Structure formats: C-alpha cells, structure tokens
Amino acid sequence: AEAHPNRDWILTRILWLTGCEPGFNHGV
C-alpha cells in the first residue's frame, strides 16, 4: 500500500456485473 498509494485496490475476488436493462445499464 505504501509503495502504491494511489492504486484503486481490487482484492481477493471479483463478481463482474452485466446490466439487464437496454439503454439504461446495458448498451447505449
């Protein structure tokens, strides 16, 4: 952490989300 003070830490696990509402949180 001291060596990389500005890193946005992503640790341990990821659950990657996909939006289900076209035009709202999916696509354009």
PDB file of all heavy atoms in Angstrom:
ATOM      1  N   ALA A   1       0.833  -1.208   0.000  1.00  0.00           N
ATOM      2  CA  ALA A   1       0.000   0.000   0.000  1.00  0.00           C
ATOM      3  C   ALA A   1       0.865   1.254   0.000  1.00  0.00           C
ATOM      4  O   ALA A   1       0.585   2.218  -0.724  1.00  0.00           O
ATOM      5  CB  ALA A   1      -0.930  -0.008   1.208  1.00  0.00           C
ATOM      6  N   GLU A   2       1.936   1.260   0.790  1.00  0.00           N
ATOM      7  CA  GLU A   2       2.842   2.409   0.831  1.00  0.00           C
ATOM      8  C   GLU A   2       3.554   2.604  -0.499  1.00  0.00           C
ATOM      9  O   GLU A   2       3.795   3.735  -0.921  1.00  0.00           O
ATOM     10  CB  GLU A   2       3.872   2.233   1.946  1.00  0.00           C
ATOM     11  CG  GLU A   2       3.311   2.426   3.332  1.00  0.00           C
ATOM     12  CD  GLU A   2       4.348   2.155   4.413  1.00  0.00           C
ATOM     13  OE1 GLU A   2       5.563   2.321   4.162  1.00  0.00           O
ATOM     14  OE2 GLU A   2       3.929   1.781   5.525  1.00  0.00           O
ATOM     15  N   ALA A   3       3.897   1.516  -1.159  1.00  0.00           N
ATOM     16  CA  ALA A   3       4.598   1.598  -2.443  1.00  0.00           C
ATOM     17  C   ALA A   3       3.692   2.088  -3.568  1.00  0.00           C
ATOM     18  O   ALA A   3       4.177   2.632  -4.570  1.00  0.00           O
ATOM     19  CB  ALA A   3       5.182   0.234  -2.804  1.00  0.00           C
ATOM     20  N   HIS A   4       2.374   1.901  -3.436  1.00  0.00           N
ATOM     21  CA  HIS A   4       1.401   2.276  -4.475  1.00  0.00           C
ATOM     22  C   HIS A   4       0.232   3.015  -3.831  1.00  0.00           C
ATOM     23  O   HIS A   4      -0.902   2.510  -3.814  1.00  0.00           O
ATOM     24  CB  HIS A   4       0.900   1.039  -5.214  1.00  0.00           C
ATOM     25  CG  HIS A   4       1.982   0.230  -5.836  1.00  0.00           C
ATOM     26  ND1 HIS A   4       2.579   0.572  -7.022  1.00  0.00           N
ATOM     27  CD2 HIS A   4       2.603  -0.902  -5.409  1.00  0.00           C
ATOM     28  CE1 HIS A   4       3.514  -0.319  -7.321  1.00  0.00           C
ATOM     29  NE2 HIS A   4       3.556  -1.214  -6.354  1.00  0.00           N
ATOM     30  N   PRO A   5       0.461   4.232  -3.327  1.00  0.00           N
ATOM     31  CA  PRO A   5      -0.578   4.910  -2.539  1.00  0.00           C
ATOM     32  C   PRO A   5      -1.821   5.324  -3.323  1.00  0.00           C
ATOM     33  O   PRO A   5      -2.876   5.521  -2.725  1.00  0.00           O
ATOM     34  CB  PRO A   5       0.152   6.141  -1.986  1.00  0.00           C
ATOM     35  CG  PRO A   5       1.270   6.377  -2.945  1.00  0.00           C
ATOM     36  CD  PRO A   5       1.685   5.024  -3.427  1.00  0.00           C
ATOM     37  N   ASN A   6      -1.735   5.410  -4.635  1.00  0.00           N
ATOM     38  CA  ASN A   6      -2.890   5.876  -5.425  1.00  0.00           C
ATOM     39  C   ASN A   6      -3.622   4.755  -6.151  1.00  0.00           C
ATOM     40  O   ASN A   6      -4.527   5.017  -6.933  1.00  0.00           O
ATOM     41  CB  ASN A   6      -2.441   6.933  -6.422  1.00  0.00           C
ATOM     42  CG  ASN A   6      -1.906   8.158  -5.713  1.00  0.00           C
ATOM     43  OD1 ASN A   6      -2.476   8.590  -4.710  1.00  0.00           O
ATOM     44  ND2 ASN A   6      -0.812   8.702  -6.208  1.00  0.00           N
ATOM     45  N   ARG A   7      -3.246   3.522  -5.905  1.00  0.00           N
ATOM     46  CA  ARG A   7      -3.887   2.404  -6.582  1.00  0.00           C
ATOM     47  C   ARG A   7      -5.283   2.165  -6.023  1.00  0.00           C
ATOM     48  O   ARG A   7      -5.496   2.237  -4.817  1.00  0.00           O
ATOM     49  CB  ARG A   7      -3.046   1.142  -6.392  1.00  0.00           C
ATOM     50  CG  ARG A   7      -3.146   0.178  -7.577  1.00  0.00           C
ATOM     51  CD  ARG A   7      -2.472  -1.144  -7.281  1.00  0.00           C
ATOM     52  NE  ARG A   7      -1.167  -1.253  -7.866  1.00  0.00           N
ATOM     53  CZ  ARG A   7      -0.452  -2.390  -7.838  1.00  0.00           C
ATOM     54  NH1 ARG A   7      -0.918  -3.470  -7.230  1.00  0.00           N
ATOM     55  NH2 ARG A   7       0.730  -2.438  -8.382  1.00  0.00           N
ATOM     56  N   ASP A   8      -6.254   1.909  -6.914  1.00  0.00           N
ATOM     57  CA  ASP A   8      -7.601   1.506  -6.503  1.00  0.00           C
ATOM     58  C   ASP A   8      -7.567  -0.018  -6.373  1.00  0.00           C
ATOM     59  O   ASP A   8      -7.637  -0.728  -7.366  1.00  0.00           O
ATOM     60  CB  ASP A   8      -8.633   1.956  -7.539  1.00  0.00           C
ATOM     61  CG  ASP A   8     -10.048   1.605  -7.146  1.00  0.00           C
ATOM     62  OD1 ASP A   8     -10.318   1.401  -5.946  1.00  0.00           O
ATOM     63  OD2 ASP A   8     -10.903   1.532  -8.055  1.00  0.00           O
ATOM     64  N   TRP A   9      -7.431  -0.497  -5.156  1.00  0.00           N
ATOM     65  CA  TRP A   9      -7.181  -1.917  -4.906  1.00  0.00           C
ATOM     66  C   TRP A   9      -8.404  -2.775  -5.198  1.00  0.00           C
ATOM     67  O   TRP A   9      -9.480  -2.531  -4.682  1.00  0.00           O
ATOM     68  CB  TRP A   9      -6.739  -2.122  -3.456  1.00  0.00           C
ATOM     69  CG  TRP A   9      -5.455  -1.418  -3.163  1.00  0.00           C
ATOM     70  CD1 TRP A   9      -5.316  -0.242  -2.491  1.00  0.00           C
ATOM     71  CD2 TRP A   9      -4.152  -1.826  -3.548  1.00  0.00           C
ATOM     72  NE1 TRP A   9      -3.981   0.109  -2.440  1.00  0.00           N
ATOM     73  CE2 TRP A   9      -3.252  -0.856  -3.086  1.00  0.00           C
ATOM     74  CE3 TRP A   9      -3.645  -2.919  -4.251  1.00  0.00           C
ATOM     75  CZ2 TRP A   9      -1.873  -0.941  -3.291  1.00  0.00           C
ATOM     76  CZ3 TRP A   9      -2.275  -3.003  -4.467  1.00  0.00           C
ATOM     77  CH2 TRP A   9      -1.408  -2.031  -3.990  1.00  0.00           C
ATOM     78  N   ILE A  10      -8.199  -3.787  -6.026  1.00  0.00           N
ATOM     79  CA  ILE A  10      -9.199  -4.818  -6.292  1.00  0.00           C
ATOM     80  C   ILE A  10      -8.583  -6.107  -5.770  1.00  0.00           C
ATOM     81  O   ILE A  10      -7.591  -6.593  -6.316  1.00  0.00           O
ATOM     82  CB  ILE A  10      -9.551  -4.901  -7.788  1.00  0.00           C
ATOM     83  CG1 ILE A  10     -10.161  -3.566  -8.230  1.00  0.00           C
ATOM     84  CG2 ILE A  10     -10.484  -6.071  -8.066  1.00  0.00           C
ATOM     85  CD1 ILE A  10     -10.418  -3.454  -9.715  1.00  0.00           C
ATOM     86  N   LEU A  11      -9.173  -6.627  -4.697  1.00  0.00           N
ATOM     87  CA  LEU A  11      -8.563  -7.730  -3.971  1.00  0.00           C
ATOM     88  C   LEU A  11      -9.475  -8.957  -3.886  1.00  0.00           C
ATOM     89  O   LEU A  11     -10.699  -8.843  -3.903  1.00  0.00           O
ATOM     90  CB  LEU A  11      -8.230  -7.289  -2.533  1.00  0.00           C
ATOM     91  CG  LEU A  11      -7.341  -6.062  -2.357  1.00  0.00           C
ATOM     92  CD1 LEU A  11      -7.152  -5.758  -0.873  1.00  0.00           C
ATOM     93  CD2 LEU A  11      -6.005  -6.222  -3.051  1.00  0.00           C
ATOM     94  N   THR A  12      -8.846 -10.110  -3.799  1.00  0.00           N
ATOM     95  CA  THR A  12      -9.402 -11.394  -3.375  1.00  0.00           C
ATOM     96  C   THR A  12     -10.340 -12.055  -4.390  1.00  0.00           C
ATOM     97  O   THR A  12     -10.098 -13.168  -4.813  1.00  0.00           O
ATOM     98  CB  THR A  12     -10.085 -11.273  -1.994  1.00  0.00           C
ATOM     99  OG1 THR A  12      -9.150 -10.693  -1.076  1.00  0.00           O
ATOM    100  CG2 THR A  12     -10.543 -12.602  -1.458  1.00  0.00           C
ATOM    101  N   ARG A  13     -11.432 -11.410  -4.760  1.00  0.00           N
ATOM    102  CA  ARG A  13     -12.417 -11.980  -5.693  1.00  0.00           C
ATOM    103  C   ARG A  13     -13.090 -10.841  -6.452  1.00  0.00           C
ATOM    104  O   ARG A  13     -13.163  -9.712  -5.979  1.00  0.00           O
ATOM    105  CB  ARG A  13     -13.531 -12.751  -4.974  1.00  0.00           C
ATOM    106  CG  ARG A  13     -13.090 -13.831  -4.022  1.00  0.00           C
ATOM    107  CD  ARG A  13     -12.713 -15.120  -4.740  1.00  0.00           C
ATOM    108  NE  ARG A  13     -12.433 -16.190  -3.798  1.00  0.00           N
ATOM    109  CZ  ARG A  13     -11.275 -16.372  -3.168  1.00  0.00           C
ATOM    110  NH1 ARG A  13     -10.272 -15.532  -3.351  1.00  0.00           N
ATOM    111  NH2 ARG A  13     -11.102 -17.397  -2.355  1.00  0.00           N
ATOM    112  N   ILE A  14     -13.647 -11.207  -7.631  1.00  0.00           N
ATOM    113  CA  ILE A  14     -14.453 -10.282  -8.437  1.00  0.00           C
ATOM    114  C   ILE A  14     -15.743 -10.984  -8.826  1.00  0.00           C
ATOM    115  O   ILE A  14     -15.713 -12.127  -9.307  1.00  0.00           O
ATOM    116  CB  ILE A  14     -13.718  -9.843  -9.724  1.00  0.00           C
ATOM    117  CG1 ILE A  14     -12.486  -8.990  -9.398  1.00  0.00           C
ATOM    118  CG2 ILE A  14     -14.661  -9.104 -10.672  1.00  0.00           C
ATOM    119  CD1 ILE A  14     -11.608  -8.688 -10.607  1.00  0.00           C
ATOM    120  N   LEU A  15     -16.861 -10.287  -8.648  1.00  0.00           N
ATOM    121  CA  LEU A  15     -18.139 -10.678  -9.235  1.00  0.00           C
ATOM    122  C   LEU A  15     -18.446  -9.583 -10.259  1.00  0.00           C
ATOM    123  O   LEU A  15     -18.764  -8.449  -9.903  1.00  0.00           O
ATOM    124  CB  LEU A  15     -19.233 -10.761  -8.160  1.00  0.00           C
ATOM    125  CG  LEU A  15     -18.997 -11.801  -7.064  1.00  0.00           C
ATOM    126  CD1 LEU A  15     -20.011 -11.630  -5.934  1.00  0.00           C
ATOM    127  CD2 LEU A  15     -19.040 -13.213  -7.634  1.00  0.00           C
ATOM    128  N   TRP A  16     -18.288  -9.915 -11.550  1.00  0.00           N
ATOM    129  CA  TRP A  16     -18.421  -8.936 -12.636  1.00  0.00           C
ATOM    130  C   TRP A  16     -19.885  -8.855 -13.041  1.00  0.00           C
ATOM    131  O   TRP A  16     -20.517  -9.877 -13.325  1.00  0.00           O
ATOM    132  CB  TRP A  16     -17.561  -9.360 -13.806  1.00  0.00           C
ATOM    133  CG  TRP A  16     -17.312  -8.333 -14.866  1.00  0.00           C
ATOM    134  CD1 TRP A  16     -17.844  -7.092 -14.986  1.00  0.00           C
ATOM    135  CD2 TRP A  16     -16.420  -8.492 -15.970  1.00  0.00           C
ATOM    136  NE1 TRP A  16     -17.353  -6.453 -16.092  1.00  0.00           N
ATOM    137  CE2 TRP A  16     -16.464  -7.302 -16.711  1.00  0.00           C
ATOM    138  CE3 TRP A  16     -15.598  -9.531 -16.413  1.00  0.00           C
ATOM    139  CZ2 TRP A  16     -15.721  -7.114 -17.876  1.00  0.00           C
ATOM    140  CZ3 TRP A  16     -14.850  -9.340 -17.557  1.00  0.00           C
ATOM    141  CH2 TRP A  16     -14.908  -8.149 -18.282  1.00  0.00           C
ATOM    142  N   LEU A  17     -20.422  -7.639 -13.064  1.00  0.00           N
ATOM    143  CA  LEU A  17     -21.838  -7.430 -13.326  1.00  0.00           C
ATOM    144  C   LEU A  17     -22.110  -7.052 -14.777  1.00  0.00           C
ATOM    145  O   LEU A  17     -21.341  -6.318 -15.393  1.00  0.00           O
ATOM    146  CB  LEU A  17     -22.396  -6.334 -12.414  1.00  0.00           C
ATOM    147  CG  LEU A  17     -22.250  -6.573 -10.918  1.00  0.00           C
ATOM    148  CD1 LEU A  17     -22.870  -5.415 -10.143  1.00  0.00           C
ATOM    149  CD2 LEU A  17     -22.860  -7.898 -10.496  1.00  0.00           C
ATOM    150  N   THR A  18     -23.249  -7.529 -15.274  1.00  0.00           N
ATOM    151  CA  THR A  18     -23.770  -7.144 -16.584  1.00  0.00           C
ATOM    152  C   THR A  18     -25.171  -6.590 -16.383  1.00  0.00           C
ATOM    153  O   THR A  18     -25.998  -7.229 -15.727  1.00  0.00           O
ATOM    154  CB  THR A  18     -23.833  -8.360 -17.540  1.00  0.00           C
ATOM    155  OG1 THR A  18     -22.496  -8.814 -17.793  1.00  0.00           O
ATOM    156  CG2 THR A  18     -24.509  -8.015 -18.848  1.00  0.00           C
ATOM    157  N   GLY A  19     -25.420  -5.407 -16.934  1.00  0.00           N
ATOM    158  CA  GLY A  19     -26.746  -4.806 -16.847  1.00  0.00           C
ATOM    159  C   GLY A  19     -27.760  -5.567 -17.691  1.00  0.00           C
ATOM    160  O   GLY A  19     -27.407  -6.153 -18.714  1.00  0.00           O
ATOM    161  N   CYS A  20     -29.006  -5.536 -17.265  1.00  0.00           N
ATOM    162  CA  CYS A  20     -30.084  -6.262 -17.943  1.00  0.00           C
ATOM    163  C   CYS A  20     -31.099  -5.335 -18.602  1.00  0.00           C
ATOM    164  O   CYS A  20     -32.069  -5.819 -19.189  1.00  0.00           O
ATOM    165  CB  CYS A  20     -30.817  -7.156 -16.947  1.00  0.00           C
ATOM    166  SG  CYS A  20     -29.793  -8.437 -16.221  1.00  0.00           S
ATOM    167  N   GLU A  21     -30.901  -4.016 -18.503  1.00  0.00           N
ATOM    168  CA  GLU A  21     -31.890  -3.066 -18.989  1.00  0.00           C
ATOM    169  C   GLU A  21     -31.316  -2.263 -20.158  1.00  0.00           C
ATOM    170  O   GLU A  21     -30.596  -1.279 -19.947  1.00  0.00           O
ATOM    171  CB  GLU A  21     -32.322  -2.148 -17.844  1.00  0.00           C
ATOM    172  CG  GLU A  21     -32.934  -2.921 -16.689  1.00  0.00           C
ATOM    173  CD  GLU A  21     -33.225  -2.036 -15.490  1.00  0.00           C
ATOM    174  OE1 GLU A  21     -34.101  -1.154 -15.616  1.00  0.00           O
ATOM    175  OE2 GLU A  21     -32.571  -2.228 -14.448  1.00  0.00           O
ATOM    176  N   PRO A  22     -31.639  -2.680 -21.405  1.00  0.00           N
ATOM    177  CA  PRO A  22     -31.102  -1.991 -22.582  1.00  0.00           C
ATOM    178  C   PRO A  22     -31.399  -0.491 -22.544  1.00  0.00           C
ATOM    179  O   PRO A  22     -32.505  -0.061 -22.231  1.00  0.00           O
ATOM    180  CB  PRO A  22     -31.819  -2.668 -23.754  1.00  0.00           C
ATOM    181  CG  PRO A  22     -32.158  -4.034 -23.236  1.00  0.00           C
ATOM    182  CD  PRO A  22     -32.484  -3.823 -21.779  1.00  0.00           C
ATOM    183  N   GLY A  23     -30.350   0.292 -22.838  1.00  0.00           N
ATOM    184  CA  GLY A  23     -30.481   1.741 -22.858  1.00  0.00           C
ATOM    185  C   GLY A  23     -30.377   2.393 -21.497  1.00  0.00           C
ATOM    186  O   GLY A  23     -30.287   3.616 -21.390  1.00  0.00           O
ATOM    187  N   PHE A  24     -30.385   1.573 -20.436  1.00  0.00           N
ATOM    188  CA  PHE A  24     -30.260   2.123 -19.079  1.00  0.00           C
ATOM    189  C   PHE A  24     -28.940   1.698 -18.441  1.00  0.00           C
ATOM    190  O   PHE A  24     -28.154   2.541 -18.027  1.00  0.00           O
ATOM    191  CB  PHE A  24     -31.444   1.707 -18.213  1.00  0.00           C
ATOM    192  CG  PHE A  24     -31.412   2.294 -16.821  1.00  0.00           C
ATOM    193  CD1 PHE A  24     -31.530   3.662 -16.633  1.00  0.00           C
ATOM    194  CD2 PHE A  24     -31.236   1.483 -15.714  1.00  0.00           C
ATOM    195  CE1 PHE A  24     -31.467   4.217 -15.351  1.00  0.00           C
ATOM    196  CE2 PHE A  24     -31.181   2.018 -14.435  1.00  0.00           C
ATOM    197  CZ  PHE A  24     -31.301   3.390 -14.254  1.00  0.00           C
ATOM    198  N   ASN A  25     -28.701   0.379 -18.356  1.00  0.00           N
ATOM    199  CA  ASN A  25     -27.433  -0.107 -17.813  1.00  0.00           C
ATOM    200  C   ASN A  25     -26.799  -1.177 -18.711  1.00  0.00           C
ATOM    201  O   ASN A  25     -25.881  -1.875 -18.315  1.00  0.00           O
ATOM    202  CB  ASN A  25     -27.592  -0.622 -16.375  1.00  0.00           C
ATOM    203  CG  ASN A  25     -28.590  -1.750 -16.255  1.00  0.00           C
ATOM    204  OD1 ASN A  25     -28.855  -2.485 -17.208  1.00  0.00           O
ATOM    205  ND2 ASN A  25     -29.162  -1.910 -15.065  1.00  0.00           N
ATOM    206  N   HIS A  26     -27.311  -1.268 -19.934  1.00  0.00           N
ATOM    207  CA  HIS A  26     -26.803  -2.218 -20.925  1.00  0.00           C
ATOM    208  C   HIS A  26     -26.799  -1.542 -22.292  1.00  0.00           C
ATOM    209  O   HIS A  26     -27.817  -0.963 -22.694  1.00  0.00           O
ATOM    210  CB  HIS A  26     -27.686  -3.473 -20.954  1.00  0.00           C
ATOM    211  CG  HIS A  26     -27.185  -4.534 -21.873  1.00  0.00           C
ATOM    212  ND1 HIS A  26     -26.185  -5.403 -21.508  1.00  0.00           N
ATOM    213  CD2 HIS A  26     -27.519  -4.846 -23.140  1.00  0.00           C
ATOM    214  CE1 HIS A  26     -25.948  -6.221 -22.523  1.00  0.00           C
ATOM    215  NE2 HIS A  26     -26.739  -5.906 -23.516  1.00  0.00           N
ATOM    216  N   GLY A  27     -25.651  -1.589 -22.967  1.00  0.00           N
ATOM    217  CA  GLY A  27     -25.554  -0.996 -24.294  1.00  0.00           C
ATOM    218  C   GLY A  27     -25.403   0.515 -24.241  1.00  0.00           C
ATOM    219  O   GLY A  27     -24.680   1.043 -23.399  1.00  0.00           O
ATOM    220  N   VAL A  28     -26.086   1.193 -25.152  1.00  0.00           N
ATOM    221  CA  VAL A  28     -26.039   2.656 -25.211  1.00  0.00           C
ATOM    222  C   VAL A  28     -27.432   3.215 -24.974  1.00  0.00           C
ATOM    223  O   VAL A  28     -28.433   2.550 -25.227  1.00  0.00           O
ATOM    224  CB  VAL A  28     -25.483   3.171 -26.568  1.00  0.00           C
ATOM    225  CG1 VAL A  28     -24.031   2.736 -26.770  1.00  0.00           C
ATOM    226  CG2 VAL A  28     -26.334   2.693 -27.725  1.00  0.00           C
TER     227      VAL A  28
END
